[in-house]
């Protein structure tokens, strides 16, 4: 879809979302304490803000926003969008999308998943059990935002959306009612079972898989709409997706990567019982959905910053963020 066609609906829909127009995104961090459902988690919240944006540096990340900006005055309740990152990611992985949503009038919250984040990447069992605990992480994030976040009274609890990328896309499908078939999960080439099937490390992998099968998955009916980008589609067939009935905007990269194939994402499109709004990121590889990299990240030459020839991540994200905001505005905007 051409960039101008993507930008047009955003301008119309976002203008209707709130009577208060934001000029920046407020930014603050959150800490979700350990409880009987899981360990402690860290995250961030982006909010509508009337102040001009400035640069906030967090490690190698540079984001645009205003720290701890108060919400616009009034009693209006605002929709909430929660974000789930991909394998080995963090709550900052989609900060530009979060900022665009906050600027359009949403409250946005993201966490670093408890058993799958950049600090844990590459564990002996590849954190495979996180495919189960991820859904509980997001349920706990929503609980925190609705009950413990200082401005929880400003959230419209009946208008909650979800954005997820890669494993985060898988997470959103499960939260929306999908049932994955973990036997369809292909072994990673780096798995110790591929080289030393009788070794101790392979035994850990097998134990992790058994733990995954024994861990209950969480569904959450509070989520009313979802944007899913390059999910782990190979885990779902039509039977596994039959209960997913919420509106979905589904994105695929042209080339895929990191275990995700364009064919598997297209299969999700065909197997969903309610046809999703479908988009393909032209000339993009899998990591093209991550926020454009800062200069520090580019200088470090990290894998997530590499893009396919002919793909401009900055230009793509201008249109992508606009379309994501437009979708949520259509699906979660206030009733009149």
Protein backbone atom coordinates (compact mmCIF):
# COMPACT_ATOMS: atom_id res chain seq x y z
CA UNK A 1 0.00 0.00 0.00
CA UNK A 2 1.37 3.41 -0.88
CA UNK A 3 2.49 5.77 1.89
CA UNK A 4 -0.04 8.49 1.10
CA UNK A 5 -2.88 5.97 1.20
CA UNK A 6 -1.70 4.89 4.64
CA UNK A 7 -1.40 8.41 5.99
CA UNK A 8 -4.86 9.59 4.88
CA UNK A 9 -6.99 7.41 7.19
CA UNK A 10 -4.77 8.25 10.16
CA UNK A 11 -5.40 11.95 9.75
CA UNK A 12 -9.17 11.39 9.73
CA UNK A 13 -9.45 8.79 12.46
CA UNK A 14 -6.96 10.21 14.94
CA UNK A 15 -8.63 13.62 14.78
CA UNK A 16 -11.82 12.03 16.12
CA UNK A 17 -10.18 10.18 18.98
CA UNK A 18 -9.87 12.98 21.50
CA UNK A 19 -10.87 16.59 21.87
CA UNK A 20 -7.37 17.31 23.18
CA UNK A 21 -4.62 17.20 20.56
CA UNK A 22 -1.26 16.03 21.85
CA UNK A 23 2.04 17.53 20.72
CA UNK A 24 4.33 14.88 22.12
CA UNK A 25 4.31 11.66 24.04
CA UNK A 26 4.73 11.61 27.78
CA UNK A 27 7.11 8.88 28.91
CA UNK A 28 7.57 7.12 32.21
CA UNK A 29 8.81 3.77 33.44
CA UNK A 30 6.84 1.22 35.45
CA UNK A 31 7.80 -1.64 37.73
CA UNK A 32 5.43 -4.57 38.14
CA UNK A 33 6.32 -6.47 41.32
CA UNK A 34 6.58 -10.23 41.54
CA UNK A 35 3.41 -12.02 42.56
CA UNK A 36 1.96 -15.51 42.50
CA UNK A 37 1.53 -15.24 38.71
CA UNK A 38 5.10 -14.39 37.83
CA UNK A 39 8.37 -12.54 38.55
CA UNK A 40 8.96 -8.80 38.60
CA UNK A 41 8.87 -6.98 35.27
CA UNK A 42 9.99 -3.58 34.03
CA UNK A 43 8.23 -1.51 31.42
CA UNK A 44 7.23 1.90 30.21
CA UNK A 45 4.11 3.96 29.59
CA UNK A 46 3.58 6.56 26.86
CA UNK A 47 0.76 9.09 27.26
CA UNK A 48 -0.73 12.06 25.41
CA UNK A 49 1.22 15.20 26.29
CA UNK A 50 0.78 18.86 25.34
CA UNK A 51 4.46 19.80 25.83
CA UNK A 52 7.03 19.85 23.01
CA UNK A 53 9.02 16.64 22.67
CA UNK A 54 12.66 16.34 23.59
CA UNK A 55 15.27 13.61 23.33
CA UNK A 56 15.43 10.94 26.02
CA UNK A 57 18.49 8.66 25.96
CA UNK A 58 18.17 5.18 27.44
CA UNK A 59 21.28 3.13 26.84
CA UNK A 60 21.77 3.00 23.08
CA UNK A 61 18.16 4.02 22.49
CA UNK A 62 17.14 7.59 21.77
CA UNK A 63 13.42 8.27 22.01
CA UNK A 64 11.31 11.37 21.56
CA UNK A 65 9.10 12.38 24.47
CA UNK A 66 8.61 14.22 27.74
CA UNK A 67 9.39 12.46 31.00
CA UNK A 68 6.45 12.13 33.39
CA UNK A 69 4.23 14.52 31.45
CA UNK A 70 0.79 14.84 33.10
CA UNK A 71 -2.23 13.65 31.18
CA UNK A 72 -4.35 16.33 29.51
CA UNK A 73 -6.81 17.84 32.00
CA UNK A 74 -10.34 16.50 32.27
CA UNK A 75 -12.09 13.27 33.12
CA UNK A 76 -12.14 11.69 29.66
CA UNK A 77 -11.14 8.04 29.70
CA UNK A 78 -8.59 7.07 27.07
CA UNK A 79 -8.08 3.74 25.26
CA UNK A 80 -5.14 1.59 26.30
CA UNK A 81 -2.81 -0.28 23.92
CA UNK A 82 -0.35 -2.84 25.31
CA UNK A 83 2.78 -3.91 23.41
CA UNK A 84 4.55 -7.28 23.29
CA UNK A 85 8.08 -7.43 21.83
CA UNK A 86 9.77 -10.27 19.96
CA UNK A 87 12.37 -12.80 21.06
CA UNK A 88 15.16 -11.23 23.11
CA UNK A 89 13.61 -7.76 22.89
CA UNK A 90 12.63 -5.10 25.40
CA UNK A 91 9.89 -2.62 26.19
CA UNK A 92 11.73 -0.07 24.02
CA UNK A 93 11.68 -2.16 20.83
CA UNK A 94 8.66 -0.34 19.38
CA UNK A 95 9.04 3.03 21.07
CA UNK A 96 8.29 5.04 17.93
CA UNK A 97 4.98 3.21 17.43
CA UNK A 98 4.14 3.75 21.09
CA UNK A 99 4.95 7.44 20.72
CA UNK A 100 2.74 7.77 17.64
CA UNK A 101 -0.16 6.09 19.44
CA UNK A 102 0.24 8.34 22.48
CA UNK A 103 0.35 11.39 20.24
CA UNK A 104 -2.94 10.17 18.71
CA UNK A 105 -4.60 10.05 22.14
CA UNK A 106 -3.89 6.55 23.48
CA UNK A 107 -2.27 5.41 26.68
CA UNK A 108 0.38 2.84 25.70
CA UNK A 109 2.15 0.34 27.96
CA UNK A 110 4.94 -2.14 27.19
CA UNK A 111 6.98 -4.56 29.30
CA UNK A 112 10.13 -6.60 28.88
CA UNK A 113 8.81 -10.15 29.07
CA UNK A 114 9.75 -11.95 32.26
CA UNK A 115 11.38 -15.00 30.67
CA UNK A 116 12.18 -13.66 27.20
CA UNK A 117 14.11 -10.40 26.96
CA UNK A 118 17.48 -9.02 25.85
CA UNK A 119 19.08 -9.86 29.19
CA UNK A 120 18.11 -13.53 28.91
CA UNK A 121 18.58 -14.11 25.18
CA UNK A 122 20.41 -17.32 24.39
CA UNK A 123 19.63 -19.34 27.53
CA UNK A 124 20.22 -23.12 27.47
CA UNK A 125 16.60 -23.94 26.65
CA UNK A 126 16.20 -20.82 24.47
CA UNK A 127 13.53 -19.75 26.99
CA UNK A 128 10.99 -21.86 25.16
CA UNK A 129 8.69 -21.86 28.20
CA UNK A 130 8.27 -18.13 27.57
CA UNK A 131 5.85 -19.05 24.80
CA UNK A 132 3.46 -19.85 27.67
CA UNK A 133 4.46 -17.23 30.24
CA UNK A 134 4.29 -14.36 27.73
CA UNK A 135 0.49 -14.36 27.77
CA UNK A 136 0.42 -14.16 31.56
CA UNK A 137 2.93 -11.28 31.40
CA UNK A 138 0.52 -9.23 29.26
CA UNK A 139 -2.44 -10.11 31.48
CA UNK A 140 -0.41 -8.87 34.48
CA UNK A 141 0.51 -5.69 32.57
CA UNK A 142 -3.16 -4.95 31.88
CA UNK A 143 -4.04 -5.68 35.52
CA UNK A 144 -1.33 -3.28 36.66
CA UNK A 145 -2.46 -0.51 34.33
CA UNK A 146 -6.11 -0.83 35.37
CA UNK A 147 -5.50 -1.21 39.10
CA UNK A 148 -2.11 0.13 40.20
CA UNK A 149 -0.89 2.70 37.65
CA UNK A 150 -1.27 6.14 39.29
CA UNK A 151 -3.66 7.43 36.61
CA UNK A 152 -5.57 4.16 36.19
CA UNK A 153 -8.88 6.00 36.54
CA UNK A 154 -8.27 7.68 33.17
CA UNK A 155 -8.11 4.38 31.27
CA UNK A 156 -11.18 3.16 29.38
CA UNK A 157 -11.17 -0.44 30.58
CA UNK A 158 -13.59 -1.48 27.82
CA UNK A 159 -11.29 -0.18 25.05
CA UNK A 160 -8.03 -2.11 25.23
CA UNK A 161 -5.91 -2.92 22.19
CA UNK A 162 -2.81 -5.04 21.63
CA UNK A 163 0.24 -4.65 19.40
CA UNK A 164 2.68 -7.54 19.00
CA UNK A 165 5.67 -8.37 16.81
CA UNK A 166 7.13 -11.83 16.08
CA UNK A 167 6.79 -13.82 19.32
CA UNK A 168 4.74 -10.83 20.44
CA UNK A 169 2.40 -11.42 17.50
CA UNK A 170 2.05 -15.04 18.58
CA UNK A 171 1.31 -13.74 22.09
CA UNK A 172 -1.51 -11.55 20.82
CA UNK A 173 -3.14 -14.36 18.86
CA UNK A 174 -3.15 -16.59 21.95
CA UNK A 175 -4.52 -13.81 24.14
CA UNK A 176 -7.30 -13.38 21.57
CA UNK A 177 -8.28 -17.06 21.85
CA UNK A 178 -5.88 -19.03 19.64
CA UNK A 179 -4.53 -22.44 20.63
CA UNK A 180 -1.00 -23.11 19.33
CA UNK A 181 0.29 -26.55 18.44
CA UNK A 182 3.79 -26.61 19.90
CA UNK A 183 4.60 -29.82 18.08
CA UNK A 184 4.74 -27.62 14.95
CA UNK A 185 7.63 -25.60 16.42
CA UNK A 186 10.74 -26.30 14.34
CA UNK A 187 14.01 -26.92 16.22
CA UNK A 188 16.48 -24.06 16.05
CA UNK A 189 19.68 -24.79 14.09
CA UNK A 190 21.59 -23.60 17.18
CA UNK A 191 19.80 -26.06 19.45
CA UNK A 192 22.21 -28.44 21.23
CA UNK A 193 19.89 -31.29 20.25
CA UNK A 194 20.94 -30.76 16.63
CA UNK A 195 24.61 -31.51 17.40
CA UNK A 196 24.62 -33.44 20.68
CA UNK A 197 21.24 -35.15 21.08
CA UNK A 198 22.48 -37.21 24.05
CA UNK A 199 24.15 -34.30 25.86
CA UNK A 200 23.10 -32.49 29.02
CA UNK A 201 22.23 -29.29 27.16
CA UNK A 202 19.80 -31.20 24.93
CA UNK A 203 18.21 -32.67 28.03
CA UNK A 204 17.60 -29.12 29.29
CA UNK A 205 15.91 -28.28 25.99
CA UNK A 206 13.64 -31.31 26.31
CA UNK A 207 12.79 -30.39 29.91
CA UNK A 208 11.98 -26.85 28.78
CA UNK A 209 9.62 -28.20 26.13
CA UNK A 210 7.83 -30.38 28.68
CA UNK A 211 7.51 -27.37 30.97
CA UNK A 212 6.02 -25.41 28.08
CA UNK A 213 3.40 -28.10 27.45
CA UNK A 214 2.50 -28.15 31.15
CA UNK A 215 2.15 -24.37 31.57
CA UNK A 216 -1.40 -23.03 31.05
CA UNK A 217 -1.88 -20.35 28.40
CA UNK A 218 -3.76 -17.17 29.20
CA UNK A 219 -6.55 -15.72 27.08
CA UNK A 220 -7.81 -12.20 27.81
CA UNK A 221 -11.23 -11.07 26.63
CA UNK A 222 -10.46 -7.49 27.69
CA UNK A 223 -8.45 -7.08 24.46
CA UNK A 224 -10.86 -5.80 21.81
CA UNK A 225 -8.58 -5.31 18.79
CA UNK A 226 -5.03 -6.25 17.81
CA UNK A 227 -2.27 -5.35 15.38
CA UNK A 228 -0.13 -8.42 14.69
CA UNK A 229 3.19 -8.06 12.83
CA UNK A 230 5.15 -11.05 11.46
CA UNK A 231 3.92 -13.57 14.07
CA UNK A 232 5.17 -17.13 14.59
CA UNK A 233 2.49 -18.35 12.24
CA UNK A 234 3.75 -21.91 11.95
CA UNK A 235 2.28 -22.69 15.40
CA UNK A 236 -1.31 -22.24 14.22
CA UNK A 237 -3.65 -24.01 11.84
CA UNK A 238 -7.31 -23.20 11.14
CA UNK A 239 -8.46 -25.23 14.12
CA UNK A 240 -6.08 -23.40 16.44
CA UNK A 241 -7.30 -20.00 15.24
CA UNK A 242 -11.04 -20.72 15.14
CA UNK A 243 -11.78 -18.82 18.38
CA UNK A 244 -10.04 -15.58 17.35
CA UNK A 245 -12.92 -13.24 16.61
CA UNK A 246 -11.63 -9.75 17.47
CA UNK A 247 -10.70 -7.28 14.70
CA UNK A 248 -7.08 -7.81 13.63
CA UNK A 249 -4.73 -5.85 11.41
CA UNK A 250 -2.14 -8.36 10.18
CA UNK A 251 1.22 -7.31 8.76
CA UNK A 252 3.80 -9.43 6.95
CA UNK A 253 7.30 -8.52 5.86
CA UNK A 254 8.21 -9.33 2.26
CA UNK A 255 11.19 -11.52 3.16
CA UNK A 256 10.60 -12.64 6.76
CA UNK A 257 13.47 -13.76 8.96
CA UNK A 258 14.38 -14.98 12.46
CA UNK A 259 12.26 -18.09 11.96
CA UNK A 260 9.24 -16.28 10.49
CA UNK A 261 8.37 -16.87 6.83
CA UNK A 262 6.02 -14.84 4.64
CA UNK A 263 4.16 -18.07 3.84
CA UNK A 264 3.45 -18.79 7.52
CA UNK A 265 2.07 -15.28 8.07
CA UNK A 266 -0.09 -15.59 4.95
CA UNK A 267 -1.39 -18.89 6.34
CA UNK A 268 -2.52 -17.08 9.50
CA UNK A 269 -4.37 -14.66 7.26
CA UNK A 270 -6.15 -17.49 5.48
CA UNK A 271 -6.96 -19.42 8.65
CA UNK A 272 -8.41 -16.62 10.76
CA UNK A 273 -12.21 -17.02 10.92
CA UNK A 274 -12.69 -13.25 10.57
CA UNK A 275 -10.67 -11.82 7.69
CA UNK A 276 -8.01 -9.45 9.03
CA UNK A 277 -7.03 -6.14 7.55
CA UNK A 278 -3.98 -7.27 5.56
CA UNK A 279 -0.77 -5.39 4.80
CA UNK A 280 2.63 -6.36 3.43
CA UNK A 281 5.71 -4.28 4.28
CA UNK A 282 7.26 -3.92 0.84
CA UNK A 283 10.95 -4.90 0.59
CA UNK A 284 11.13 -5.38 4.37
CA UNK A 285 12.83 -8.13 6.32
CA UNK A 286 11.55 -9.26 9.70
CA UNK A 287 13.36 -6.66 11.82
CA UNK A 288 11.98 -3.83 9.70
CA UNK A 289 9.06 -3.64 12.13
CA UNK A 290 11.39 -2.62 14.98
CA UNK A 291 11.88 1.07 15.68
CA UNK A 292 14.47 2.81 13.49
CA UNK A 293 17.86 2.46 15.11
CA UNK A 294 19.66 5.27 16.88
CA UNK A 295 23.12 6.31 15.74
CA UNK A 296 24.62 4.42 18.69
CA UNK A 297 22.82 1.26 17.61
CA UNK A 298 23.90 1.73 14.00
CA UNK A 299 27.50 2.26 15.08
CA UNK A 300 27.34 -0.99 17.06
CA UNK A 301 26.23 -2.79 13.87
CA UNK A 302 23.74 -4.93 15.72
CA UNK A 303 21.67 -7.41 13.77
CA UNK A 304 18.29 -5.75 14.30
CA UNK A 305 19.48 -2.62 12.48
CA UNK A 306 20.22 -4.33 9.15
CA UNK A 307 17.62 -3.88 6.44
CA UNK A 308 17.14 -5.28 2.95
CA UNK A 309 18.30 -3.20 -0.05
CA UNK A 310 15.67 -0.69 -1.10
CA UNK A 311 13.94 -0.59 2.29
CA UNK A 312 13.96 2.68 4.22
CA UNK A 313 12.93 1.96 7.80
CA UNK A 314 12.37 5.63 8.68
CA UNK A 315 10.00 6.21 5.76
CA UNK A 316 8.22 2.91 6.32
CA UNK A 317 7.59 3.64 9.99
CA UNK A 318 6.02 7.00 9.23
CA UNK A 319 3.34 5.21 7.23
CA UNK A 320 3.22 2.09 9.41
CA UNK A 321 2.71 4.04 12.64
CA UNK A 322 0.03 6.14 11.00
CA UNK A 323 -1.87 3.05 9.84
CA UNK A 324 -1.58 1.36 13.24
CA UNK A 325 -2.95 4.48 14.94
CA UNK A 326 -5.75 4.69 12.37
CA UNK A 327 -6.73 1.05 12.96
CA UNK A 328 -6.91 1.47 16.72
CA UNK A 329 -8.78 4.74 16.32
CA UNK A 330 -11.41 2.99 14.22
CA UNK A 331 -11.70 0.05 16.61
CA UNK A 332 -11.22 1.67 20.02
CA UNK A 333 -12.26 5.27 19.45
CA UNK A 334 -14.83 6.82 21.81
CA UNK A 335 -18.53 6.22 21.26
CA UNK A 336 -20.67 9.24 20.49
